[in-house]
C-alpha atoms as a PDB file:
ATOM      1  CA  MET A   1     132.163 153.674 119.684  1.00  0.00           C
ATOM      2  CA  ALA A   2     129.515 152.596 117.207  1.00  0.00           C
ATOM      3  CA  ILE A   3     128.855 154.662 114.108  1.00  0.00           C
ATOM      4  CA  GLU A   4     125.396 156.160 114.270  1.00  0.00           C
ATOM      5  CA  LYS A   5     123.276 156.676 111.182  1.00  0.00           C
ATOM      6  CA  ILE A   6     121.018 159.602 110.473  1.00  0.00           C
ATOM      7  CA  GLU A   7     118.115 158.665 108.223  1.00  0.00           C
ATOM      8  CA  LEU A   8     115.955 161.245 106.461  1.00  0.00           C
ATOM      9  CA  THR A   9     113.170 161.122 103.931  1.00  0.00           C
ATOM     10  CA  VAL A  10     113.209 164.113 101.601  1.00  0.00           C
ATOM     11  CA  GLY A  11     110.515 164.384  98.975  1.00  0.00           C
ATOM     12  CA  GLY A  12     109.821 160.665  99.300  1.00  0.00           C
ATOM     13  CA  THR A  13     113.495 159.737  98.851  1.00  0.00           C
ATOM     14  CA  ALA A  14     115.298 157.999 101.716  1.00  0.00           C
ATOM     15  CA  LEU A  15     118.763 159.291 102.574  1.00  0.00           C
ATOM     16  CA  ALA A  16     121.145 157.924 105.202  1.00  0.00           C
ATOM     17  CA  PHE A  17     124.285 159.561 106.564  1.00  0.00           C
ATOM     18  CA  ALA A  18     126.988 158.299 108.924  1.00  0.00           C
ATOM     19  CA  PRO A  19     128.921 161.382 110.068  1.00  0.00           C
ATOM     20  CA  THR A  20     131.852 161.156 112.442  1.00  0.00           C
ATOM     21  CA  ALA A  21     133.321 163.747 114.776  1.00  0.00           C
ATOM     22  CA  THR A  22     136.220 164.153 112.336  1.00  0.00           C
ATOM     23  CA  ASP A  23     133.826 164.837 109.445  1.00  0.00           C
ATOM     24  CA  TYR A  24     132.044 167.479 111.512  1.00  0.00           C
ATOM     25  CA  ASN A  25     135.283 169.111 112.678  1.00  0.00           C
ATOM     26  CA  ASN A  26     136.568 169.262 109.103  1.00  0.00           C
ATOM     27  CA  MET A  27     133.357 171.007 108.031  1.00  0.00           C
ATOM     28  CA  ILE A  28     133.579 173.569 110.840  1.00  0.00           C
ATOM     29  CA  ASN A  29     137.257 174.230 110.125  1.00  0.00           C
ATOM     30  CA  SER A  30     136.509 174.743 106.405  1.00  0.00           C
ATOM     31  CA  MET A  31     133.852 177.400 106.967  1.00  0.00           C
ATOM     32  CA  GLN A  32     134.754 180.981 106.139  1.00  0.00           C
ATOM     33  CA  PRO A  33     132.721 184.132 106.811  1.00  0.00           C
ATOM     34  CA  ASP A  34     131.858 184.371 103.119  1.00  0.00           C
ATOM     35  CA  ASN A  35     131.479 180.652 102.331  1.00  0.00           C
ATOM     36  CA  LYS A  36     129.390 178.278 104.414  1.00  0.00           C
ATOM     37  CA  VAL A  37     127.518 176.433 101.663  1.00  0.00           C
ATOM     38  CA  ALA A  38     130.424 174.543 100.043  1.00  0.00           C
ATOM     39  CA  PRO A  39     131.718 173.035 103.319  1.00  0.00           C
ATOM     40  CA  ALA A  40     128.185 171.926 104.228  1.00  0.00           C
ATOM     41  CA  GLN A  41     127.686 170.352 100.788  1.00  0.00           C
ATOM     42  CA  GLN A  42     131.051 168.582 101.026  1.00  0.00           C
ATOM     43  CA  PHE A  43     130.137 167.320 104.520  1.00  0.00           C
ATOM     44  CA  LEU A  44     126.919 165.786 103.199  1.00  0.00           C
ATOM     45  CA  MET A  45     128.623 164.218 100.192  1.00  0.00           C
ATOM     46  CA  ARG A  46     131.362 162.756 102.415  1.00  0.00           C
ATOM     47  CA  THR A  47     128.970 161.285 104.958  1.00  0.00           C
ATOM     48  CA  VAL A  48     126.151 159.917 102.784  1.00  0.00           C
ATOM     49  CA  LEU A  49     126.087 156.124 102.798  1.00  0.00           C
ATOM     50  CA  PRO A  50     127.065 154.560  99.440  1.00  0.00           C
ATOM     51  CA  ALA A  51     123.664 152.917  98.969  1.00  0.00           C
ATOM     52  CA  HIS A  52     122.039 156.386  99.077  1.00  0.00           C
ATOM     53  CA  ALA A  53     124.639 158.401  97.157  1.00  0.00           C
ATOM     54  CA  ASP A  54     122.748 158.350  93.854  1.00  0.00           C
ATOM     55  CA  ALA A  55     119.560 159.785  95.362  1.00  0.00           C
END
């Protein structure tokens, strides 16, 4: 299975992510009723492509 990229432009800055099913499952499993922001932020930081990490 090929890794698919998700490319976004936010405020004129290009960002690219390459999430996997494992990354997504880890995010879902980390979510708690009182904390959904930190797992989402960690998911994005884990899946951003290195060339776009500084943006």
